[in-house]
N, C-alpha and C. Protein backbone atom coordinates (compact mmCIF):
# COMPACT_ATOMS: atom_id res chain seq x y z
N MET A 1 188.94 -13.66 217.92
CA MET A 1 188.38 -12.46 217.35
C MET A 1 186.86 -12.52 217.46
N LYS A 2 186.27 -11.50 218.03
CA LYS A 2 184.82 -11.40 218.14
C LYS A 2 184.32 -10.51 217.00
N ILE A 3 183.43 -11.06 216.18
CA ILE A 3 182.95 -10.38 214.98
C ILE A 3 181.44 -10.16 215.08
N LEU A 4 181.02 -8.93 214.80
CA LEU A 4 179.59 -8.60 214.69
C LEU A 4 179.27 -8.49 213.22
N GLY A 5 178.44 -9.40 212.71
CA GLY A 5 178.00 -9.35 211.32
C GLY A 5 176.67 -8.63 211.23
N ILE A 6 176.53 -7.82 210.17
CA ILE A 6 175.31 -7.03 209.99
C ILE A 6 174.76 -7.20 208.58
N ASP A 7 173.45 -7.47 208.49
CA ASP A 7 172.73 -7.43 207.22
C ASP A 7 171.83 -6.20 207.31
N PRO A 8 172.22 -5.10 206.64
CA PRO A 8 171.50 -3.84 206.83
C PRO A 8 170.13 -3.82 206.15
N GLY A 9 169.25 -3.05 206.74
CA GLY A 9 167.93 -2.82 206.20
C GLY A 9 167.28 -1.74 207.04
N TYR A 10 166.07 -1.32 206.70
CA TYR A 10 165.40 -0.33 207.55
C TYR A 10 164.17 -0.91 208.23
N ALA A 11 163.62 -2.00 207.71
CA ALA A 11 162.54 -2.70 208.40
C ALA A 11 163.12 -3.75 209.32
N ILE A 12 164.18 -4.43 208.84
CA ILE A 12 164.85 -5.47 209.61
C ILE A 12 166.35 -5.31 209.41
N VAL A 13 167.07 -5.23 210.52
CA VAL A 13 168.54 -5.27 210.49
C VAL A 13 168.93 -6.57 211.18
N GLY A 14 169.49 -7.48 210.42
CA GLY A 14 169.95 -8.72 211.01
C GLY A 14 171.32 -8.52 211.64
N TYR A 15 171.55 -9.18 212.78
CA TYR A 15 172.88 -9.12 213.40
C TYR A 15 173.26 -10.50 213.93
N GLY A 16 174.54 -10.75 213.98
CA GLY A 16 175.05 -11.99 214.52
C GLY A 16 176.43 -11.76 215.09
N VAL A 17 176.68 -12.30 216.27
CA VAL A 17 177.97 -12.14 216.93
C VAL A 17 178.60 -13.52 217.05
N VAL A 18 179.80 -13.65 216.49
CA VAL A 18 180.52 -14.92 216.58
C VAL A 18 181.93 -14.68 217.10
N GLU A 19 182.45 -15.68 217.76
CA GLU A 19 183.85 -15.70 218.18
C GLU A 19 184.55 -16.67 217.23
N TYR A 20 185.69 -16.25 216.71
CA TYR A 20 186.45 -17.10 215.79
C TYR A 20 187.86 -17.25 216.33
N ARG A 21 188.19 -18.45 216.77
CA ARG A 21 189.51 -18.74 217.33
C ARG A 21 189.96 -20.11 216.85
N ALA A 22 191.21 -20.18 216.41
CA ALA A 22 191.80 -21.45 215.97
C ALA A 22 190.90 -22.16 214.95
N ASN A 23 190.39 -21.40 213.99
CA ASN A 23 189.53 -21.93 212.93
C ASN A 23 188.23 -22.55 213.44
N ARG A 24 187.77 -22.11 214.61
CA ARG A 24 186.51 -22.61 215.16
C ARG A 24 185.59 -21.44 215.50
N PHE A 25 184.32 -21.66 215.25
CA PHE A 25 183.31 -20.66 215.54
C PHE A 25 182.55 -20.99 216.82
N THR A 26 182.25 -19.94 217.57
CA THR A 26 181.31 -20.02 218.68
C THR A 26 180.29 -18.92 218.45
N THR A 27 179.03 -19.30 218.39
CA THR A 27 177.97 -18.31 218.20
C THR A 27 177.63 -17.72 219.56
N LEU A 28 177.74 -16.40 219.67
CA LEU A 28 177.49 -15.72 220.94
C LEU A 28 176.09 -15.12 221.02
N ASP A 29 175.59 -14.61 219.89
CA ASP A 29 174.29 -13.96 219.91
C ASP A 29 173.86 -13.72 218.47
N TYR A 30 172.58 -13.66 218.24
CA TYR A 30 172.05 -13.25 216.95
C TYR A 30 170.60 -12.85 217.11
N GLY A 31 170.13 -12.07 216.15
CA GLY A 31 168.76 -11.61 216.20
C GLY A 31 168.52 -10.55 215.14
N ALA A 32 167.49 -9.77 215.34
CA ALA A 32 167.12 -8.74 214.37
C ALA A 32 166.58 -7.52 215.09
N ILE A 33 166.93 -6.39 214.55
CA ILE A 33 166.35 -5.12 214.98
C ILE A 33 165.16 -4.89 214.05
N LEU A 34 163.98 -4.78 214.62
CA LEU A 34 162.75 -4.62 213.83
C LEU A 34 162.19 -3.23 214.02
N THR A 35 161.78 -2.62 212.92
CA THR A 35 161.12 -1.32 213.00
C THR A 35 159.74 -1.44 212.34
N PRO A 36 158.68 -1.10 213.07
CA PRO A 36 157.32 -1.23 212.52
C PRO A 36 157.11 -0.35 211.29
N ALA A 37 156.35 -0.87 210.35
CA ALA A 37 156.11 -0.19 209.07
C ALA A 37 155.46 1.18 209.24
N HIS A 38 154.61 1.36 210.23
CA HIS A 38 153.89 2.63 210.40
C HIS A 38 154.75 3.72 211.03
N THR A 39 155.95 3.37 211.49
CA THR A 39 156.83 4.34 212.16
C THR A 39 157.41 5.30 211.14
N PRO A 40 157.42 6.61 211.41
CA PRO A 40 158.07 7.54 210.49
C PRO A 40 159.53 7.14 210.28
N PHE A 41 160.05 7.41 209.10
CA PHE A 41 161.38 6.91 208.74
C PHE A 41 162.46 7.38 209.72
N GLY A 42 162.39 8.63 210.15
CA GLY A 42 163.36 9.12 211.12
C GLY A 42 163.32 8.33 212.42
N GLY A 43 162.14 7.93 212.83
CA GLY A 43 161.99 7.10 214.02
C GLY A 43 162.60 5.72 213.83
N ARG A 44 162.46 5.19 212.62
CA ARG A 44 163.08 3.89 212.32
C ARG A 44 164.60 3.99 212.44
N LEU A 45 165.15 5.07 211.89
CA LEU A 45 166.61 5.26 211.97
C LEU A 45 167.06 5.39 213.43
N CYS A 46 166.28 6.10 214.24
CA CYS A 46 166.61 6.24 215.67
C CYS A 46 166.62 4.88 216.36
N THR A 47 165.62 4.06 216.08
CA THR A 47 165.55 2.73 216.69
C THR A 47 166.76 1.89 216.28
N ILE A 48 167.09 1.92 215.00
CA ILE A 48 168.24 1.15 214.51
C ILE A 48 169.52 1.62 215.19
N TYR A 49 169.70 2.93 215.26
CA TYR A 49 170.90 3.47 215.89
C TYR A 49 170.98 3.08 217.37
N GLU A 50 169.90 3.26 218.09
CA GLU A 50 169.90 2.96 219.52
C GLU A 50 170.15 1.48 219.79
N GLU A 51 169.54 0.63 219.00
CA GLU A 51 169.73 -0.81 219.17
C GLU A 51 171.15 -1.23 218.78
N MET A 52 171.69 -0.62 217.73
CA MET A 52 173.08 -0.92 217.34
C MET A 52 174.04 -0.51 218.45
N CYS A 53 173.81 0.64 219.04
CA CYS A 53 174.65 1.09 220.16
C CYS A 53 174.57 0.09 221.31
N ARG A 54 173.37 -0.38 221.61
CA ARG A 54 173.19 -1.35 222.69
C ARG A 54 173.94 -2.65 222.40
N ILE A 55 173.82 -3.16 221.17
CA ILE A 55 174.49 -4.41 220.78
C ILE A 55 176.01 -4.24 220.82
N LEU A 56 176.49 -3.13 220.30
CA LEU A 56 177.94 -2.87 220.32
C LEU A 56 178.46 -2.74 221.74
N ASP A 57 177.73 -2.05 222.60
CA ASP A 57 178.16 -1.88 224.00
C ASP A 57 178.10 -3.21 224.76
N LEU A 58 177.11 -4.02 224.46
CA LEU A 58 176.96 -5.31 225.14
C LEU A 58 178.07 -6.29 224.76
N HIS A 59 178.37 -6.39 223.47
CA HIS A 59 179.29 -7.43 222.99
C HIS A 59 180.72 -6.94 222.79
N ARG A 60 180.91 -5.65 222.62
CA ARG A 60 182.24 -5.09 222.40
C ARG A 60 183.06 -5.90 221.38
N PRO A 61 182.56 -5.96 220.13
CA PRO A 61 183.25 -6.77 219.12
C PRO A 61 184.60 -6.16 218.73
N ASP A 62 185.49 -7.02 218.26
CA ASP A 62 186.79 -6.56 217.74
C ASP A 62 186.62 -5.89 216.39
N CYS A 63 185.60 -6.30 215.66
CA CYS A 63 185.33 -5.73 214.34
C CYS A 63 183.88 -5.99 213.97
N MET A 64 183.45 -5.27 212.95
CA MET A 64 182.10 -5.44 212.44
C MET A 64 182.20 -5.67 210.94
N SER A 65 181.45 -6.64 210.44
CA SER A 65 181.40 -6.87 209.00
C SER A 65 179.98 -6.58 208.52
N VAL A 66 179.90 -5.88 207.41
CA VAL A 66 178.61 -5.42 206.90
C VAL A 66 178.50 -5.79 205.43
N GLU A 67 177.31 -6.24 205.05
CA GLU A 67 177.10 -6.53 203.63
C GLU A 67 176.98 -5.22 202.87
N LYS A 68 177.71 -5.14 201.75
CA LYS A 68 177.61 -3.97 200.88
C LYS A 68 176.25 -3.96 200.22
N LEU A 69 175.78 -2.78 199.91
CA LEU A 69 174.48 -2.65 199.26
C LEU A 69 174.56 -3.09 197.81
N TYR A 70 173.51 -3.79 197.41
CA TYR A 70 173.40 -4.20 196.02
C TYR A 70 171.93 -4.10 195.66
N PHE A 71 171.62 -3.21 194.74
CA PHE A 71 170.25 -3.11 194.29
C PHE A 71 170.25 -2.69 192.83
N THR A 72 169.28 -3.23 192.10
CA THR A 72 169.22 -2.92 190.68
C THR A 72 167.89 -2.30 190.29
N ASN A 73 166.81 -2.73 190.91
CA ASN A 73 165.49 -2.30 190.46
C ASN A 73 164.93 -1.11 191.23
N ASN A 74 164.79 -1.23 192.53
CA ASN A 74 164.11 -0.21 193.31
C ASN A 74 165.13 0.73 193.98
N LYS A 75 165.43 1.83 193.32
CA LYS A 75 166.42 2.78 193.84
C LYS A 75 165.94 3.45 195.12
N THR A 76 164.64 3.70 195.26
CA THR A 76 164.11 4.34 196.46
C THR A 76 164.37 3.48 197.68
N THR A 77 164.09 2.20 197.58
CA THR A 77 164.37 1.28 198.69
C THR A 77 165.86 1.25 198.98
N GLY A 78 166.67 1.24 197.94
CA GLY A 78 168.13 1.22 198.12
C GLY A 78 168.63 2.44 198.86
N ILE A 79 168.05 3.59 198.58
CA ILE A 79 168.46 4.82 199.27
C ILE A 79 168.07 4.74 200.75
N ASP A 80 166.90 4.22 201.04
CA ASP A 80 166.47 4.07 202.44
C ASP A 80 167.37 3.08 203.18
N VAL A 81 167.71 1.99 202.53
CA VAL A 81 168.62 1.01 203.15
C VAL A 81 169.98 1.65 203.39
N ALA A 82 170.43 2.46 202.44
CA ALA A 82 171.73 3.14 202.59
C ALA A 82 171.71 4.07 203.81
N GLN A 83 170.59 4.74 204.04
CA GLN A 83 170.50 5.61 205.21
C GLN A 83 170.55 4.79 206.50
N ALA A 84 169.85 3.68 206.53
CA ALA A 84 169.87 2.81 207.71
C ALA A 84 171.29 2.25 207.91
N ARG A 85 171.93 1.88 206.83
CA ARG A 85 173.30 1.38 206.90
C ARG A 85 174.23 2.46 207.47
N GLY A 86 173.96 3.70 207.12
CA GLY A 86 174.76 4.82 207.62
C GLY A 86 174.71 4.95 209.14
N VAL A 87 173.54 4.77 209.74
CA VAL A 87 173.48 4.87 211.20
C VAL A 87 174.16 3.68 211.87
N VAL A 88 174.14 2.52 211.20
CA VAL A 88 174.87 1.35 211.71
C VAL A 88 176.37 1.65 211.72
N LEU A 89 176.86 2.20 210.61
CA LEU A 89 178.29 2.53 210.51
C LEU A 89 178.66 3.63 211.50
N LEU A 90 177.77 4.59 211.71
CA LEU A 90 178.02 5.66 212.68
C LEU A 90 178.20 5.09 214.09
N ALA A 91 177.32 4.18 214.48
CA ALA A 91 177.41 3.58 215.82
C ALA A 91 178.76 2.88 216.00
N ALA A 92 179.21 2.17 214.97
CA ALA A 92 180.51 1.48 215.05
C ALA A 92 181.65 2.48 215.11
N ALA A 93 181.59 3.52 214.28
CA ALA A 93 182.67 4.52 214.24
C ALA A 93 182.80 5.24 215.58
N GLN A 94 181.67 5.55 216.21
CA GLN A 94 181.70 6.23 217.50
C GLN A 94 182.37 5.39 218.58
N ARG A 95 182.36 4.09 218.39
CA ARG A 95 182.95 3.18 219.38
C ARG A 95 184.32 2.66 218.95
N GLY A 96 184.81 3.17 217.83
CA GLY A 96 186.13 2.77 217.35
C GLY A 96 186.19 1.33 216.86
N VAL A 97 185.06 0.78 216.44
CA VAL A 97 185.03 -0.60 215.94
C VAL A 97 185.32 -0.58 214.44
N PRO A 98 186.39 -1.25 214.01
CA PRO A 98 186.70 -1.28 212.58
C PRO A 98 185.61 -2.02 211.81
N VAL A 99 185.36 -1.57 210.59
CA VAL A 99 184.30 -2.14 209.76
C VAL A 99 184.90 -2.68 208.46
N ALA A 100 184.51 -3.90 208.11
CA ALA A 100 184.86 -4.50 206.82
C ALA A 100 183.57 -4.69 206.05
N GLU A 101 183.63 -4.48 204.75
CA GLU A 101 182.43 -4.58 203.92
C GLU A 101 182.64 -5.66 202.86
N TYR A 102 181.58 -6.42 202.62
CA TYR A 102 181.65 -7.53 201.67
C TYR A 102 180.44 -7.53 200.75
N THR A 103 180.68 -7.86 199.49
CA THR A 103 179.58 -7.98 198.53
C THR A 103 178.86 -9.31 198.78
N PRO A 104 177.61 -9.41 198.33
CA PRO A 104 176.91 -10.69 198.46
C PRO A 104 177.70 -11.85 197.83
N MET A 105 178.37 -11.61 196.71
CA MET A 105 179.14 -12.67 196.07
C MET A 105 180.33 -13.10 196.93
N GLN A 106 180.97 -12.14 197.59
CA GLN A 106 182.08 -12.48 198.49
C GLN A 106 181.60 -13.32 199.67
N VAL A 107 180.42 -12.99 200.20
CA VAL A 107 179.86 -13.74 201.32
C VAL A 107 179.56 -15.17 200.88
N LYS A 108 178.93 -15.32 199.73
CA LYS A 108 178.62 -16.66 199.22
C LYS A 108 179.88 -17.48 199.00
N GLN A 109 180.89 -16.86 198.42
CA GLN A 109 182.17 -17.54 198.16
C GLN A 109 182.80 -18.00 199.48
N ALA A 110 182.80 -17.14 200.49
CA ALA A 110 183.44 -17.46 201.76
C ALA A 110 182.69 -18.53 202.55
N VAL A 111 181.37 -18.54 202.44
CA VAL A 111 180.56 -19.46 203.24
C VAL A 111 180.34 -20.80 202.52
N VAL A 112 180.03 -20.73 201.24
CA VAL A 112 179.69 -21.93 200.49
C VAL A 112 180.84 -22.42 199.61
N GLY A 113 181.70 -21.49 199.20
CA GLY A 113 182.78 -21.86 198.29
C GLY A 113 182.42 -21.62 196.84
N TYR A 114 181.27 -20.98 196.62
CA TYR A 114 180.79 -20.71 195.27
C TYR A 114 180.07 -19.37 195.29
N GLY A 115 180.57 -18.40 194.55
CA GLY A 115 180.05 -17.04 194.58
C GLY A 115 178.66 -16.86 194.03
N LYS A 116 178.14 -17.87 193.33
CA LYS A 116 176.78 -17.77 192.79
C LYS A 116 175.83 -18.76 193.47
N ALA A 117 176.18 -19.14 194.70
CA ALA A 117 175.33 -20.05 195.47
C ALA A 117 173.96 -19.42 195.69
N VAL A 118 172.96 -20.26 195.86
CA VAL A 118 171.61 -19.75 196.14
C VAL A 118 171.46 -19.55 197.64
N LYS A 119 170.49 -18.74 198.00
CA LYS A 119 170.29 -18.35 199.40
C LYS A 119 170.15 -19.56 200.33
N SER A 120 169.43 -20.58 199.91
CA SER A 120 169.23 -21.75 200.77
C SER A 120 170.56 -22.46 201.05
N GLN A 121 171.48 -22.47 200.08
CA GLN A 121 172.79 -23.08 200.30
C GLN A 121 173.59 -22.28 201.34
N VAL A 122 173.54 -20.97 201.23
CA VAL A 122 174.26 -20.11 202.18
C VAL A 122 173.70 -20.30 203.58
N MET A 123 172.39 -20.35 203.69
CA MET A 123 171.76 -20.50 205.00
C MET A 123 172.12 -21.85 205.63
N GLU A 124 172.08 -22.90 204.85
CA GLU A 124 172.40 -24.22 205.39
C GLU A 124 173.87 -24.32 205.79
N MET A 125 174.76 -23.79 204.99
CA MET A 125 176.19 -23.82 205.36
C MET A 125 176.45 -22.96 206.59
N THR A 126 175.74 -21.86 206.73
CA THR A 126 175.86 -21.03 207.93
C THR A 126 175.45 -21.85 209.15
N ARG A 127 174.35 -22.55 209.05
CA ARG A 127 173.88 -23.40 210.14
C ARG A 127 174.93 -24.46 210.49
N VAL A 128 175.48 -25.11 209.47
CA VAL A 128 176.47 -26.17 209.69
C VAL A 128 177.75 -25.62 210.30
N LEU A 129 178.28 -24.53 209.72
CA LEU A 129 179.53 -23.96 210.22
C LEU A 129 179.42 -23.48 211.66
N LEU A 130 178.25 -23.01 212.05
CA LEU A 130 178.05 -22.51 213.41
C LEU A 130 177.46 -23.56 214.34
N ASN A 131 177.23 -24.76 213.80
CA ASN A 131 176.72 -25.87 214.60
C ASN A 131 175.39 -25.51 215.28
N LEU A 132 174.50 -24.91 214.50
CA LEU A 132 173.18 -24.53 215.01
C LEU A 132 172.16 -25.62 214.69
N LYS A 133 171.15 -25.77 215.51
CA LYS A 133 170.12 -26.79 215.27
C LYS A 133 169.25 -26.46 214.07
N ALA A 134 169.01 -25.16 213.87
CA ALA A 134 168.17 -24.73 212.76
C ALA A 134 168.74 -23.43 212.18
N VAL A 135 168.33 -23.12 210.97
CA VAL A 135 168.72 -21.86 210.35
C VAL A 135 168.02 -20.74 211.11
N PRO A 136 168.76 -19.74 211.58
CA PRO A 136 168.15 -18.64 212.32
C PRO A 136 167.12 -17.88 211.47
N LYS A 137 166.09 -17.42 212.14
CA LYS A 137 165.04 -16.62 211.51
C LYS A 137 164.98 -15.27 212.17
N PRO A 138 164.63 -14.21 211.52
CA PRO A 138 164.34 -14.14 210.09
C PRO A 138 165.60 -14.33 209.24
N ASP A 139 165.42 -14.42 207.95
CA ASP A 139 166.53 -14.65 207.02
C ASP A 139 167.65 -13.62 207.20
N ASP A 140 167.29 -12.41 207.56
CA ASP A 140 168.29 -11.34 207.74
C ASP A 140 169.29 -11.71 208.83
N THR A 141 168.84 -12.45 209.83
CA THR A 141 169.72 -12.88 210.91
C THR A 141 170.73 -13.90 210.39
N ALA A 142 170.25 -14.87 209.62
CA ALA A 142 171.16 -15.85 209.02
C ALA A 142 172.14 -15.15 208.08
N ASP A 143 171.66 -14.16 207.34
CA ASP A 143 172.54 -13.41 206.44
C ASP A 143 173.63 -12.68 207.22
N ALA A 144 173.27 -12.11 208.36
CA ALA A 144 174.25 -11.40 209.18
C ALA A 144 175.32 -12.36 209.71
N LEU A 145 174.90 -13.54 210.12
CA LEU A 145 175.87 -14.54 210.58
C LEU A 145 176.78 -14.96 209.43
N ALA A 146 176.24 -15.07 208.22
CA ALA A 146 177.05 -15.41 207.06
C ALA A 146 178.09 -14.32 206.78
N VAL A 147 177.72 -13.06 206.97
CA VAL A 147 178.66 -11.96 206.77
C VAL A 147 179.78 -12.04 207.81
N ALA A 148 179.44 -12.42 209.04
CA ALA A 148 180.47 -12.59 210.08
C ALA A 148 181.41 -13.74 209.72
N ILE A 149 180.86 -14.85 209.23
CA ILE A 149 181.69 -15.98 208.79
C ILE A 149 182.61 -15.54 207.66
N CYS A 150 182.07 -14.77 206.73
CA CYS A 150 182.87 -14.26 205.61
C CYS A 150 184.07 -13.48 206.13
N HIS A 151 183.84 -12.63 207.10
CA HIS A 151 184.96 -11.84 207.63
C HIS A 151 185.98 -12.73 208.32
N ALA A 152 185.52 -13.72 209.05
CA ALA A 152 186.45 -14.63 209.72
C ALA A 152 187.32 -15.35 208.69
N HIS A 153 186.70 -15.78 207.61
CA HIS A 153 187.45 -16.49 206.57
C HIS A 153 188.32 -15.56 205.73
N SER A 154 187.97 -14.29 205.69
CA SER A 154 188.70 -13.33 204.85
C SER A 154 189.70 -12.48 205.63
N SER A 155 189.52 -12.36 206.92
CA SER A 155 190.32 -11.41 207.69
C SER A 155 191.80 -11.75 207.70
N GLY A 156 192.14 -13.01 207.62
CA GLY A 156 193.56 -13.37 207.56
C GLY A 156 194.21 -12.80 206.33
N SER A 157 193.55 -12.91 205.19
CA SER A 157 194.12 -12.37 203.97
C SER A 157 194.11 -10.84 203.99
N LEU A 158 193.09 -10.25 204.60
CA LEU A 158 193.06 -8.79 204.73
C LEU A 158 194.20 -8.32 205.63
N LEU A 159 194.44 -9.07 206.71
CA LEU A 159 195.52 -8.73 207.63
C LEU A 159 196.86 -8.82 206.93
N GLN A 160 197.05 -9.88 206.16
CA GLN A 160 198.30 -10.05 205.41
C GLN A 160 198.51 -8.90 204.43
N ALA A 161 197.43 -8.47 203.77
CA ALA A 161 197.53 -7.35 202.82
C ALA A 161 197.92 -6.06 203.55
N ALA A 162 197.33 -5.83 204.72
CA ALA A 162 197.66 -4.64 205.51
C ALA A 162 199.13 -4.66 205.95
N ILE A 163 199.59 -5.83 206.38
CA ILE A 163 200.99 -5.96 206.79
C ILE A 163 201.92 -5.70 205.60
N ALA A 164 201.57 -6.23 204.46
CA ALA A 164 202.38 -6.03 203.25
C ALA A 164 202.43 -4.55 202.88
N ARG A 165 201.30 -3.86 202.99
CA ARG A 165 201.27 -2.42 202.66
C ARG A 165 202.16 -1.65 203.63
N GLN A 166 202.10 -2.01 204.92
CA GLN A 166 202.92 -1.32 205.93
C GLN A 166 204.40 -1.55 205.66
N GLY A 167 204.76 -2.78 205.25
CA GLY A 167 206.15 -3.12 204.98
C GLY A 167 206.71 -2.41 203.77
N SER A 168 205.84 -2.01 202.84
CA SER A 168 206.31 -1.35 201.62
C SER A 168 206.46 0.17 201.80
N ARG A 169 206.13 0.68 202.95
CA ARG A 169 206.23 2.14 203.19
C ARG A 169 207.61 2.53 203.59
């Protein structure tokens, strides 16, 4: 299964592509979509959309996993991130790529084994699980890879739940 993990944002969108087969990971690609601060917001959304389309077309993932939004203090920033997340989801929907969404706590639980792990623990376990020499930078890239790992570790149980629902119809 080829998974595209996404850490949404409007200044930086982290992405990571991993292959997960027989309980083993192969890292295929990772990086970040960057939008300059001086760019009008609509232009930032266009850049994110165009780059997401390029990444999806290049890698043709079986699925995409995206971190759910979580914000408590700055609602304005949260709304802007939600808009950027929307163009990411649009690009996937246009290509028929299924999307799974995970909370930060679910990602931490899947990667570290503890839902209240600190960021440095998640980053180090991501590095170890993917057999990388260093933690990818910027942090958004490592976060995106962690979201992909989360989906790999969770997709079996999600698949079983879907099969169970189909069987009960």
